[in-house]
């Protein structure tokens, strides 16, 4: 087996735009659940809103990149309002039901044949990333970063993606150290106590839902820009569950936890896939096919997550004190 190539692929996953997108979307879940106690099972829906909100106006009306970005963010705010207005006054269970259903409804809407000229139906949309890469200041060529090589487009999307992740981490860190963030933590622990102090709990919850949703929409754009295509199958329910896995791996009520969790998630997937495929190709493993090995890596990640929840339920970077949810 080529262990150097396996390690190179794992290192490439650490800094890939997909990992950056997962980290950013999981950070949005940290704002929702880790800091606010909002049980959002529809983060894939916010990612879809960001991807389609950017792709559709770019293709149909040829809007500049900044305008497409603003439309995507406005769409995420409207989606958060649509979810939050009927549910945030109720228990967290209702928000969980509404969000997972709304994300699936949104995915089925964009796949309807009647909307094919707009959404592309099940085939999705493509060729909308030109405006983003037109802003690339990096000269054409190959760039070596240790074990992996990138061209100017790959390097540009990684710089932008991880730059957005770093900026959002700083924003969350500042917000959660502010009086606003302390109110959110109080709502997570005991919203009735916070309400008795004269705070508008509903308003704070809505603000948290919008902020986390904006992070999800940005993640949807980062996820789809390097591919140059957006397809509804990429935003199914399992995407939200993968994001929750990243959040739980790193730590729920932390800033860097979702980022570290996303890195661990993709490195483990890459390493297990590389080792299994290499062992199958070398003849060391004969009772598995390559397809079965691809599914086995998710089983291994699930087993690792169960062990983590048993021995370190707060996650890699979490604090046990932050687990004291009401």
C-alpha atoms as a PDB file:
ATOM      1  CA  UNK A   1       0.000   0.000   0.000  1.00  0.00           C
ATOM      2  CA  UNK A   2       1.138   3.540  -0.747  1.00  0.00           C
ATOM      3  CA  UNK A   3       1.013   5.028   2.756  1.00  0.00           C
ATOM      4  CA  UNK A   4       2.509   8.325   1.599  1.00  0.00           C
ATOM      5  CA  UNK A   5      -0.344   8.796  -0.868  1.00  0.00           C
ATOM      6  CA  UNK A   6      -2.870   7.884   1.861  1.00  0.00           C
ATOM      7  CA  UNK A   7      -1.362  10.509   4.196  1.00  0.00           C
ATOM      8  CA  UNK A   8      -1.286  13.077   1.383  1.00  0.00           C
ATOM      9  CA  UNK A   9      -4.990  12.535   0.707  1.00  0.00           C
ATOM     10  CA  UNK A  10      -5.757  12.851   4.438  1.00  0.00           C
ATOM     11  CA  UNK A  11      -3.785  16.105   4.647  1.00  0.00           C
ATOM     12  CA  UNK A  12      -5.608  17.361   1.572  1.00  0.00           C
ATOM     13  CA  UNK A  13      -8.941  16.695   3.293  1.00  0.00           C
ATOM     14  CA  UNK A  14      -7.914  18.769   6.324  1.00  0.00           C
ATOM     15  CA  UNK A  15      -7.672  21.929   4.223  1.00  0.00           C
ATOM     16  CA  UNK A  16     -10.225  21.064   1.539  1.00  0.00           C
ATOM     17  CA  UNK A  17     -13.118  23.468   0.798  1.00  0.00           C
ATOM     18  CA  UNK A  18     -15.553  20.671   1.658  1.00  0.00           C
ATOM     19  CA  UNK A  19     -14.082  20.465   5.168  1.00  0.00           C
ATOM     20  CA  UNK A  20     -14.278  24.264   5.418  1.00  0.00           C
ATOM     21  CA  UNK A  21     -17.949  24.136   4.405  1.00  0.00           C
ATOM     22  CA  UNK A  22     -18.697  21.439   6.979  1.00  0.00           C
ATOM     23  CA  UNK A  23     -16.840  23.408   9.654  1.00  0.00           C
ATOM     24  CA  UNK A  24     -18.798  26.569   8.887  1.00  0.00           C
ATOM     25  CA  UNK A  25     -22.169  24.794   8.808  1.00  0.00           C
ATOM     26  CA  UNK A  26     -21.343  22.974  12.065  1.00  0.00           C
ATOM     27  CA  UNK A  27     -20.396  26.331  13.590  1.00  0.00           C
ATOM     28  CA  UNK A  28     -23.889  27.504  12.692  1.00  0.00           C
ATOM     29  CA  UNK A  29     -25.264  24.469  14.547  1.00  0.00           C
ATOM     30  CA  UNK A  30     -23.097  25.433  17.530  1.00  0.00           C
ATOM     31  CA  UNK A  31     -24.836  28.827  17.570  1.00  0.00           C
ATOM     32  CA  UNK A  32     -28.217  27.116  17.262  1.00  0.00           C
ATOM     33  CA  UNK A  33     -27.857  24.256  19.727  1.00  0.00           C
ATOM     34  CA  UNK A  34     -24.571  24.615  21.603  1.00  0.00           C
ATOM     35  CA  UNK A  35     -25.193  28.197  22.700  1.00  0.00           C
ATOM     36  CA  UNK A  36     -28.964  28.677  22.273  1.00  0.00           C
ATOM     37  CA  UNK A  37     -30.482  25.234  22.771  1.00  0.00           C
ATOM     38  CA  UNK A  38     -32.272  25.326  19.393  1.00  0.00           C
ATOM     39  CA  UNK A  39     -32.573  21.802  18.012  1.00  0.00           C
ATOM     40  CA  UNK A  40     -32.078  22.402  14.286  1.00  0.00           C
ATOM     41  CA  UNK A  41     -32.159  19.258  12.126  1.00  0.00           C
ATOM     42  CA  UNK A  42     -32.385  21.163   8.852  1.00  0.00           C
ATOM     43  CA  UNK A  43     -28.990  22.799   8.409  1.00  0.00           C
ATOM     44  CA  UNK A  44     -28.764  21.101   5.002  1.00  0.00           C
ATOM     45  CA  UNK A  45     -31.738  23.262   4.018  1.00  0.00           C
ATOM     46  CA  UNK A  46     -29.819  26.445   4.846  1.00  0.00           C
ATOM     47  CA  UNK A  47     -26.881  25.160   2.800  1.00  0.00           C
ATOM     48  CA  UNK A  48     -29.230  24.497  -0.125  1.00  0.00           C
ATOM     49  CA  UNK A  49     -30.678  28.009   0.197  1.00  0.00           C
ATOM     50  CA  UNK A  50     -27.173  29.463   0.025  1.00  0.00           C
ATOM     51  CA  UNK A  51     -26.152  27.359  -2.974  1.00  0.00           C
ATOM     52  CA  UNK A  52     -29.337  27.863  -5.002  1.00  0.00           C
ATOM     53  CA  UNK A  53     -29.717  31.469  -3.831  1.00  0.00           C
ATOM     54  CA  UNK A  54     -26.357  32.211  -5.381  1.00  0.00           C
ATOM     55  CA  UNK A  55     -26.569  29.966  -8.448  1.00  0.00           C
ATOM     56  CA  UNK A  56     -30.047  30.888  -9.711  1.00  0.00           C
ATOM     57  CA  UNK A  57     -29.614  34.698 -10.025  1.00  0.00           C
ATOM     58  CA  UNK A  58     -26.073  34.242 -11.340  1.00  0.00           C
ATOM     59  CA  UNK A  59     -27.265  31.982 -14.173  1.00  0.00           C
ATOM     60  CA  UNK A  60     -30.620  33.616 -14.947  1.00  0.00           C
ATOM     61  CA  UNK A  61     -29.691  37.293 -14.606  1.00  0.00           C
ATOM     62  CA  UNK A  62     -25.885  37.195 -14.752  1.00  0.00           C
ATOM     63  CA  UNK A  63     -25.590  39.205 -11.539  1.00  0.00           C
ATOM     64  CA  UNK A  64     -22.136  40.034 -10.103  1.00  0.00           C
ATOM     65  CA  UNK A  65     -20.712  37.790  -7.417  1.00  0.00           C
ATOM     66  CA  UNK A  66     -21.433  40.227  -4.594  1.00  0.00           C
ATOM     67  CA  UNK A  67     -25.078  40.585  -5.629  1.00  0.00           C
ATOM     68  CA  UNK A  68     -25.485  36.805  -5.791  1.00  0.00           C
ATOM     69  CA  UNK A  69     -23.915  36.538  -2.335  1.00  0.00           C
ATOM     70  CA  UNK A  70     -26.336  39.103  -0.903  1.00  0.00           C
ATOM     71  CA  UNK A  71     -29.321  37.325  -2.471  1.00  0.00           C
ATOM     72  CA  UNK A  72     -28.189  34.030  -0.925  1.00  0.00           C
ATOM     73  CA  UNK A  73     -27.825  35.615   2.521  1.00  0.00           C
ATOM     74  CA  UNK A  74     -31.214  37.327   2.280  1.00  0.00           C
ATOM     75  CA  UNK A  75     -32.714  33.974   1.284  1.00  0.00           C
ATOM     76  CA  UNK A  76     -31.233  32.361   4.416  1.00  0.00           C
ATOM     77  CA  UNK A  77     -32.733  35.092   6.602  1.00  0.00           C
ATOM     78  CA  UNK A  78     -36.165  34.569   5.024  1.00  0.00           C
ATOM     79  CA  UNK A  79     -35.839  30.801   5.447  1.00  0.00           C
ATOM     80  CA  UNK A  80     -34.956  31.268   9.131  1.00  0.00           C
ATOM     81  CA  UNK A  81     -37.975  33.539   9.621  1.00  0.00           C
ATOM     82  CA  UNK A  82     -40.194  31.000   7.892  1.00  0.00           C
ATOM     83  CA  UNK A  83     -38.986  28.297  10.253  1.00  0.00           C
ATOM     84  CA  UNK A  84     -38.798  30.343  13.412  1.00  0.00           C
ATOM     85  CA  UNK A  85     -41.989  32.389  13.454  1.00  0.00           C
ATOM     86  CA  UNK A  86     -44.371  29.434  13.991  1.00  0.00           C
ATOM     87  CA  UNK A  87     -42.069  27.333  16.212  1.00  0.00           C
ATOM     88  CA  UNK A  88     -39.751  29.362  18.440  1.00  0.00           C
ATOM     89  CA  UNK A  89     -42.463  30.021  21.012  1.00  0.00           C
ATOM     90  CA  UNK A  90     -42.907  26.258  21.358  1.00  0.00           C
ATOM     91  CA  UNK A  91     -40.637  23.528  22.720  1.00  0.00           C
ATOM     92  CA  UNK A  92     -37.426  22.524  20.957  1.00  0.00           C
ATOM     93  CA  UNK A  93     -39.041  19.312  19.713  1.00  0.00           C
ATOM     94  CA  UNK A  94     -41.265  21.268  17.338  1.00  0.00           C
ATOM     95  CA  UNK A  95     -38.331  23.154  15.863  1.00  0.00           C
ATOM     96  CA  UNK A  96     -36.571  19.847  15.208  1.00  0.00           C
ATOM     97  CA  UNK A  97     -39.618  18.478  13.401  1.00  0.00           C
ATOM     98  CA  UNK A  98     -40.167  21.646  11.376  1.00  0.00           C
ATOM     99  CA  UNK A  99     -36.533  22.070  10.336  1.00  0.00           C
ATOM    100  CA  UNK A 100     -35.981  18.509   9.152  1.00  0.00           C
ATOM    101  CA  UNK A 101     -39.292  18.610   7.255  1.00  0.00           C
ATOM    102  CA  UNK A 102     -38.633  22.055   5.761  1.00  0.00           C
ATOM    103  CA  UNK A 103     -35.196  21.013   4.500  1.00  0.00           C
ATOM    104  CA  UNK A 104     -36.711  17.991   2.759  1.00  0.00           C
ATOM    105  CA  UNK A 105     -39.605  20.045   1.362  1.00  0.00           C
ATOM    106  CA  UNK A 106     -37.116  22.538  -0.051  1.00  0.00           C
ATOM    107  CA  UNK A 107     -35.096  19.743  -1.647  1.00  0.00           C
ATOM    108  CA  UNK A 108     -38.189  18.245  -3.261  1.00  0.00           C
ATOM    109  CA  UNK A 109     -39.348  21.651  -4.507  1.00  0.00           C
ATOM    110  CA  UNK A 110     -36.128  22.261  -6.442  1.00  0.00           C
ATOM    111  CA  UNK A 111     -36.406  18.805  -8.031  1.00  0.00           C
ATOM    112  CA  UNK A 112     -39.901  19.337  -9.482  1.00  0.00           C
ATOM    113  CA  UNK A 113     -40.051  19.228 -13.268  1.00  0.00           C
ATOM    114  CA  UNK A 114     -42.109  22.424 -13.444  1.00  0.00           C
ATOM    115  CA  UNK A 115     -39.127  24.378 -12.055  1.00  0.00           C
ATOM    116  CA  UNK A 116     -36.557  22.818 -14.392  1.00  0.00           C
ATOM    117  CA  UNK A 117     -35.800  26.128 -16.220  1.00  0.00           C
ATOM    118  CA  UNK A 118     -35.007  27.737 -12.846  1.00  0.00           C
ATOM    119  CA  UNK A 119     -33.558  25.023 -10.604  1.00  0.00           C
ATOM    120  CA  UNK A 120     -32.504  22.402 -13.128  1.00  0.00           C
ATOM    121  CA  UNK A 121     -34.663  19.785 -11.369  1.00  0.00           C
ATOM    122  CA  UNK A 122     -32.763  16.651 -10.305  1.00  0.00           C
ATOM    123  CA  UNK A 123     -29.827  17.530 -12.587  1.00  0.00           C
ATOM    124  CA  UNK A 124     -29.182  20.777 -10.705  1.00  0.00           C
ATOM    125  CA  UNK A 125     -27.378  23.837 -12.017  1.00  0.00           C
ATOM    126  CA  UNK A 126     -23.851  24.379 -13.306  1.00  0.00           C
ATOM    127  CA  UNK A 127     -21.480  27.026 -14.676  1.00  0.00           C
ATOM    128  CA  UNK A 128     -22.102  29.800 -12.146  1.00  0.00           C
ATOM    129  CA  UNK A 129     -18.675  29.999 -10.488  1.00  0.00           C
ATOM    130  CA  UNK A 130     -17.028  32.208 -13.140  1.00  0.00           C
ATOM    131  CA  UNK A 131     -17.530  35.475 -11.237  1.00  0.00           C
ATOM    132  CA  UNK A 132     -15.907  34.060  -8.125  1.00  0.00           C
ATOM    133  CA  UNK A 133     -12.802  32.744  -9.871  1.00  0.00           C
ATOM    134  CA  UNK A 134     -12.569  35.939 -11.939  1.00  0.00           C
ATOM    135  CA  UNK A 135     -11.595  37.688  -8.680  1.00  0.00           C
ATOM    136  CA  UNK A 136      -8.683  35.288  -8.175  1.00  0.00           C
ATOM    137  CA  UNK A 137      -5.458  37.305  -7.736  1.00  0.00           C
ATOM    138  CA  UNK A 138      -3.215  34.204  -7.678  1.00  0.00           C
ATOM    139  CA  UNK A 139      -1.127  33.776 -10.862  1.00  0.00           C
ATOM    140  CA  UNK A 140      -1.720  30.587 -12.873  1.00  0.00           C
ATOM    141  CA  UNK A 141       0.511  27.669 -11.965  1.00  0.00           C
ATOM    142  CA  UNK A 142       1.033  24.812  -9.538  1.00  0.00           C
ATOM    143  CA  UNK A 143       1.594  25.475  -5.853  1.00  0.00           C
ATOM    144  CA  UNK A 144       3.028  22.938  -3.426  1.00  0.00           C
ATOM    145  CA  UNK A 145       1.823  22.820   0.187  1.00  0.00           C
ATOM    146  CA  UNK A 146       3.787  19.999   1.720  1.00  0.00           C
ATOM    147  CA  UNK A 147       2.245  16.731   0.603  1.00  0.00           C
ATOM    148  CA  UNK A 148      -0.210  18.121  -1.937  1.00  0.00           C
ATOM    149  CA  UNK A 149      -0.162  20.342  -5.032  1.00  0.00           C
ATOM    150  CA  UNK A 150      -2.845  22.861  -6.034  1.00  0.00           C
ATOM    151  CA  UNK A 151      -3.508  24.959  -9.080  1.00  0.00           C
ATOM    152  CA  UNK A 152      -4.488  28.607  -8.709  1.00  0.00           C
ATOM    153  CA  UNK A 153      -8.232  27.848  -8.567  1.00  0.00           C
ATOM    154  CA  UNK A 154      -7.883  25.202  -5.855  1.00  0.00           C
ATOM    155  CA  UNK A 155      -5.654  27.460  -3.778  1.00  0.00           C
ATOM    156  CA  UNK A 156      -8.016  30.429  -4.163  1.00  0.00           C
ATOM    157  CA  UNK A 157     -11.133  28.580  -2.983  1.00  0.00           C
ATOM    158  CA  UNK A 158      -9.199  27.198  -0.008  1.00  0.00           C
ATOM    159  CA  UNK A 159      -7.930  30.629   1.001  1.00  0.00           C
ATOM    160  CA  UNK A 160     -11.398  32.145   0.727  1.00  0.00           C
ATOM    161  CA  UNK A 161     -13.164  29.197   2.379  1.00  0.00           C
ATOM    162  CA  UNK A 162     -10.907  28.979   5.401  1.00  0.00           C
ATOM    163  CA  UNK A 163     -10.730  32.764   5.608  1.00  0.00           C
ATOM    164  CA  UNK A 164     -14.527  32.851   5.951  1.00  0.00           C
ATOM    165  CA  UNK A 165     -14.349  30.089   8.591  1.00  0.00           C
ATOM    166  CA  UNK A 166     -11.752  32.062  10.572  1.00  0.00           C
ATOM    167  CA  UNK A 167     -13.796  35.266  10.318  1.00  0.00           C
ATOM    168  CA  UNK A 168     -16.989  33.543  11.470  1.00  0.00           C
ATOM    169  CA  UNK A 169     -15.146  31.917  14.385  1.00  0.00           C
ATOM    170  CA  UNK A 170     -13.972  35.333  15.522  1.00  0.00           C
ATOM    171  CA  UNK A 171     -17.522  36.701  15.183  1.00  0.00           C
ATOM    172  CA  UNK A 172     -18.975  33.850  17.265  1.00  0.00           C
ATOM    173  CA  UNK A 173     -16.233  34.229  19.887  1.00  0.00           C
ATOM    174  CA  UNK A 174     -16.941  37.948  20.231  1.00  0.00           C
ATOM    175  CA  UNK A 175     -20.721  37.458  20.280  1.00  0.00           C
ATOM    176  CA  UNK A 176     -20.631  34.770  22.969  1.00  0.00           C
ATOM    177  CA  UNK A 177     -18.410  36.918  25.201  1.00  0.00           C
ATOM    178  CA  UNK A 178     -20.848  39.817  24.898  1.00  0.00           C
ATOM    179  CA  UNK A 179     -23.994  40.414  26.988  1.00  0.00           C
ATOM    180  CA  UNK A 180     -26.004  39.130  24.025  1.00  0.00           C
ATOM    181  CA  UNK A 181     -24.161  35.819  24.136  1.00  0.00           C
ATOM    182  CA  UNK A 182     -24.621  35.490  27.882  1.00  0.00           C
ATOM    183  CA  UNK A 183     -28.361  35.934  27.433  1.00  0.00           C
ATOM    184  CA  UNK A 184     -28.318  33.147  24.818  1.00  0.00           C
ATOM    185  CA  UNK A 185     -26.557  30.804  27.239  1.00  0.00           C
ATOM    186  CA  UNK A 186     -29.104  31.699  29.884  1.00  0.00           C
ATOM    187  CA  UNK A 187     -31.921  30.847  27.480  1.00  0.00           C
ATOM    188  CA  UNK A 188     -30.270  27.512  26.791  1.00  0.00           C
ATOM    189  CA  UNK A 189     -30.121  26.701  30.494  1.00  0.00           C
ATOM    190  CA  UNK A 190     -33.480  28.108  31.665  1.00  0.00           C
ATOM    191  CA  UNK A 191     -35.461  30.354  29.385  1.00  0.00           C
ATOM    192  CA  UNK A 192     -38.133  30.993  31.995  1.00  0.00           C
ATOM    193  CA  UNK A 193     -35.543  32.517  34.304  1.00  0.00           C
ATOM    194  CA  UNK A 194     -34.295  34.739  31.483  1.00  0.00           C
ATOM    195  CA  UNK A 195     -37.857  35.727  30.620  1.00  0.00           C
ATOM    196  CA  UNK A 196     -38.479  36.703  34.261  1.00  0.00           C
ATOM    197  CA  UNK A 197     -35.616  39.197  33.950  1.00  0.00           C
ATOM    198  CA  UNK A 198     -37.498  41.038  31.212  1.00  0.00           C
ATOM    199  CA  UNK A 199     -35.617  39.652  28.194  1.00  0.00           C
ATOM    200  CA  UNK A 200     -37.463  38.900  24.958  1.00  0.00           C
ATOM    201  CA  UNK A 201     -36.577  35.226  24.657  1.00  0.00           C
ATOM    202  CA  UNK A 202     -38.380  34.850  21.322  1.00  0.00           C
ATOM    203  CA  UNK A 203     -36.357  37.681  19.775  1.00  0.00           C
ATOM    204  CA  UNK A 204     -33.042  36.268  20.977  1.00  0.00           C
ATOM    205  CA  UNK A 205     -33.887  32.811  19.651  1.00  0.00           C
ATOM    206  CA  UNK A 206     -34.825  34.272  16.277  1.00  0.00           C
ATOM    207  CA  UNK A 207     -31.568  36.205  16.080  1.00  0.00           C
ATOM    208  CA  UNK A 208     -29.585  33.048  16.885  1.00  0.00           C
ATOM    209  CA  UNK A 209     -31.515  31.064  14.267  1.00  0.00           C
ATOM    210  CA  UNK A 210     -30.797  33.726  11.635  1.00  0.00           C
ATOM    211  CA  UNK A 211     -27.081  33.969  12.447  1.00  0.00           C
ATOM    212  CA  UNK A 212     -26.590  30.198  12.386  1.00  0.00           C
ATOM    213  CA  UNK A 213     -28.623  30.025   9.176  1.00  0.00           C
ATOM    214  CA  UNK A 214     -26.388  32.644   7.526  1.00  0.00           C
ATOM    215  CA  UNK A 215     -23.370  30.529   8.416  1.00  0.00           C
ATOM    216  CA  UNK A 216     -25.123  27.563   6.836  1.00  0.00           C
ATOM    217  CA  UNK A 217     -25.812  29.498   3.626  1.00  0.00           C
ATOM    218  CA  UNK A 218     -22.188  30.612   3.383  1.00  0.00           C
ATOM    219  CA  UNK A 219     -21.199  26.988   3.879  1.00  0.00           C
ATOM    220  CA  UNK A 220     -23.514  25.979   1.031  1.00  0.00           C
ATOM    221  CA  UNK A 221     -21.744  28.396  -1.292  1.00  0.00           C
ATOM    222  CA  UNK A 222     -18.259  27.241  -0.247  1.00  0.00           C
ATOM    223  CA  UNK A 223     -19.408  23.649  -0.683  1.00  0.00           C
ATOM    224  CA  UNK A 224     -20.639  24.160  -4.245  1.00  0.00           C
ATOM    225  CA  UNK A 225     -18.213  26.723  -5.754  1.00  0.00           C
ATOM    226  CA  UNK A 226     -15.255  24.334  -6.296  1.00  0.00           C
ATOM    227  CA  UNK A 227     -17.599  21.818  -7.912  1.00  0.00           C
ATOM    228  CA  UNK A 228     -19.117  24.381 -10.247  1.00  0.00           C
ATOM    229  CA  UNK A 229     -22.466  22.642  -9.838  1.00  0.00           C
ATOM    230  CA  UNK A 230     -25.290  22.437  -7.318  1.00  0.00           C
ATOM    231  CA  UNK A 231     -27.393  19.272  -7.129  1.00  0.00           C
ATOM    232  CA  UNK A 232     -30.296  18.602  -4.757  1.00  0.00           C
ATOM    233  CA  UNK A 233     -29.008  15.119  -3.892  1.00  0.00           C
ATOM    234  CA  UNK A 234     -26.074  16.740  -2.068  1.00  0.00           C
ATOM    235  CA  UNK A 235     -28.422  18.385   0.450  1.00  0.00           C
ATOM    236  CA  UNK A 236     -30.296  15.363   1.737  1.00  0.00           C
ATOM    237  CA  UNK A 237     -30.970  14.685   5.423  1.00  0.00           C
ATOM    238  CA  UNK A 238     -27.733  12.740   5.911  1.00  0.00           C
ATOM    239  CA  UNK A 239     -25.788  15.957   5.308  1.00  0.00           C
ATOM    240  CA  UNK A 240     -27.331  17.459   8.448  1.00  0.00           C
ATOM    241  CA  UNK A 241     -26.482  14.308  10.400  1.00  0.00           C
ATOM    242  CA  UNK A 242     -22.862  14.518   9.206  1.00  0.00           C
ATOM    243  CA  UNK A 243     -22.772  18.125  10.419  1.00  0.00           C
ATOM    244  CA  UNK A 244     -24.107  17.042  13.803  1.00  0.00           C
ATOM    245  CA  UNK A 245     -21.355  14.420  13.901  1.00  0.00           C
ATOM    246  CA  UNK A 246     -18.758  17.144  13.335  1.00  0.00           C
ATOM    247  CA  UNK A 247     -20.325  19.254  16.067  1.00  0.00           C
ATOM    248  CA  UNK A 248     -20.412  16.407  18.594  1.00  0.00           C
ATOM    249  CA  UNK A 249     -16.867  15.328  17.763  1.00  0.00           C
ATOM    250  CA  UNK A 250     -15.440  18.782  18.404  1.00  0.00           C
ATOM    251  CA  UNK A 251     -17.679  20.048  21.192  1.00  0.00           C
ATOM    252  CA  UNK A 252     -21.103  21.654  21.134  1.00  0.00           C
ATOM    253  CA  UNK A 253     -20.645  24.936  23.007  1.00  0.00           C
ATOM    254  CA  UNK A 254     -17.218  25.820  21.613  1.00  0.00           C
ATOM    255  CA  UNK A 255     -15.951  28.027  18.827  1.00  0.00           C
ATOM    256  CA  UNK A 256     -13.147  25.862  17.483  1.00  0.00           C
ATOM    257  CA  UNK A 257     -14.881  22.561  18.285  1.00  0.00           C
ATOM    258  CA  UNK A 258     -16.940  22.405  15.052  1.00  0.00           C
ATOM    259  CA  UNK A 259     -13.821  23.214  12.997  1.00  0.00           C
ATOM    260  CA  UNK A 260     -11.751  20.505  14.688  1.00  0.00           C
ATOM    261  CA  UNK A 261     -14.703  18.092  14.456  1.00  0.00           C
ATOM    262  CA  UNK A 262     -15.024  18.656  10.700  1.00  0.00           C
ATOM    263  CA  UNK A 263     -11.308  18.031  10.238  1.00  0.00           C
ATOM    264  CA  UNK A 264     -11.441  14.835  12.308  1.00  0.00           C
ATOM    265  CA  UNK A 265     -14.521  13.652  10.416  1.00  0.00           C
ATOM    266  CA  UNK A 266     -12.967  14.002   6.966  1.00  0.00           C
ATOM    267  CA  UNK A 267      -9.497  12.809   7.974  1.00  0.00           C
ATOM    268  CA  UNK A 268     -10.954   9.632   9.487  1.00  0.00           C
ATOM    269  CA  UNK A 269     -13.048   9.052   6.353  1.00  0.00           C
ATOM    270  CA  UNK A 270     -10.030   9.622   4.114  1.00  0.00           C
ATOM    271  CA  UNK A 271      -7.669   7.435   6.143  1.00  0.00           C
ATOM    272  CA  UNK A 272     -10.106   4.546   6.487  1.00  0.00           C
ATOM    273  CA  UNK A 273     -10.959   4.692   2.789  1.00  0.00           C
ATOM    274  CA  UNK A 274      -7.309   4.803   1.770  1.00  0.00           C
ATOM    275  CA  UNK A 275      -6.294   1.949   4.062  1.00  0.00           C
ATOM    276  CA  UNK A 276      -9.262  -0.254   3.124  1.00  0.00           C
ATOM    277  CA  UNK A 277      -8.932   0.361  -0.620  1.00  0.00           C
ATOM    278  CA  UNK A 278      -5.191  -0.225  -0.426  1.00  0.00           C
ATOM    279  CA  UNK A 279      -5.635  -3.455   1.528  1.00  0.00           C
ATOM    280  CA  UNK A 280      -8.260  -4.687  -0.936  1.00  0.00           C
ATOM    281  CA  UNK A 281      -6.081  -3.794  -3.914  1.00  0.00           C
ATOM    282  CA  UNK A 282      -3.060  -5.538  -2.365  1.00  0.00           C
ATOM    283  CA  UNK A 283      -5.091  -8.655  -1.619  1.00  0.00           C
ATOM    284  CA  UNK A 284      -4.811  -8.362   2.179  1.00  0.00           C
ATOM    285  CA  UNK A 285      -8.597  -8.097   2.469  1.00  0.00           C
ATOM    286  CA  UNK A 286     -10.621 -10.479   0.320  1.00  0.00           C
ATOM    287  CA  UNK A 287     -13.982 -10.524   2.090  1.00  0.00           C
ATOM    288  CA  UNK A 288     -14.878  -6.915   1.137  1.00  0.00           C
ATOM    289  CA  UNK A 289     -15.496  -5.195  -2.177  1.00  0.00           C
ATOM    290  CA  UNK A 290     -14.533  -1.589  -2.846  1.00  0.00           C
ATOM    291  CA  UNK A 291     -18.196  -0.560  -2.606  1.00  0.00           C
ATOM    292  CA  UNK A 292     -18.572  -2.264   0.763  1.00  0.00           C
ATOM    293  CA  UNK A 293     -15.381  -0.611   1.985  1.00  0.00           C
ATOM    294  CA  UNK A 294     -16.816   2.783   1.092  1.00  0.00           C
ATOM    295  CA  UNK A 295     -19.785   2.109   3.373  1.00  0.00           C
ATOM    296  CA  UNK A 296     -17.660   0.566   6.106  1.00  0.00           C
ATOM    297  CA  UNK A 297     -15.817   3.836   6.700  1.00  0.00           C
ATOM    298  CA  UNK A 298     -19.070   5.488   7.788  1.00  0.00           C
ATOM    299  CA  UNK A 299     -19.677   2.576  10.165  1.00  0.00           C
ATOM    300  CA  UNK A 300     -16.228   3.143  11.662  1.00  0.00           C
ATOM    301  CA  UNK A 301     -16.925   6.864  12.096  1.00  0.00           C
ATOM    302  CA  UNK A 302     -20.209   5.989  13.818  1.00  0.00           C
ATOM    303  CA  UNK A 303     -18.443   3.566  16.159  1.00  0.00           C
ATOM    304  CA  UNK A 304     -15.821   6.207  16.963  1.00  0.00           C
ATOM    305  CA  UNK A 305     -18.589   8.707  17.707  1.00  0.00           C
ATOM    306  CA  UNK A 306     -20.286   6.260  20.087  1.00  0.00           C
ATOM    307  CA  UNK A 307     -17.019   5.664  21.935  1.00  0.00           C
ATOM    308  CA  UNK A 308     -16.476   9.418  22.154  1.00  0.00           C
ATOM    309  CA  UNK A 309     -19.936   9.937  23.614  1.00  0.00           C
ATOM    310  CA  UNK A 310     -19.221   7.237  26.208  1.00  0.00           C
ATOM    311  CA  UNK A 311     -15.765   8.363  27.320  1.00  0.00           C
ATOM    312  CA  UNK A 312     -15.821  12.093  26.461  1.00  0.00           C
ATOM    313  CA  UNK A 313     -19.406  13.265  25.916  1.00  0.00           C
ATOM    314  CA  UNK A 314     -18.410  16.923  25.787  1.00  0.00           C
ATOM    315  CA  UNK A 315     -16.366  16.335  22.614  1.00  0.00           C
ATOM    316  CA  UNK A 316     -12.682  16.842  21.925  1.00  0.00           C
ATOM    317  CA  UNK A 317     -12.651  20.516  22.916  1.00  0.00           C
ATOM    318  CA  UNK A 318     -15.848  20.704  24.941  1.00  0.00           C
ATOM    319  CA  UNK A 319     -16.383  21.548  28.597  1.00  0.00           C
ATOM    320  CA  UNK A 320     -18.524  19.322  30.818  1.00  0.00           C
ATOM    321  CA  UNK A 321     -20.002  22.412  32.437  1.00  0.00           C
ATOM    322  CA  UNK A 322     -21.555  23.321  29.101  1.00  0.00           C
ATOM    323  CA  UNK A 323     -23.544  20.055  29.071  1.00  0.00           C
ATOM    324  CA  UNK A 324     -25.856  21.209  31.845  1.00  0.00           C
ATOM    325  CA  UNK A 325     -28.827  21.833  29.555  1.00  0.00           C
ATOM    326  CA  UNK A 326     -32.203  22.364  31.184  1.00  0.00           C
END
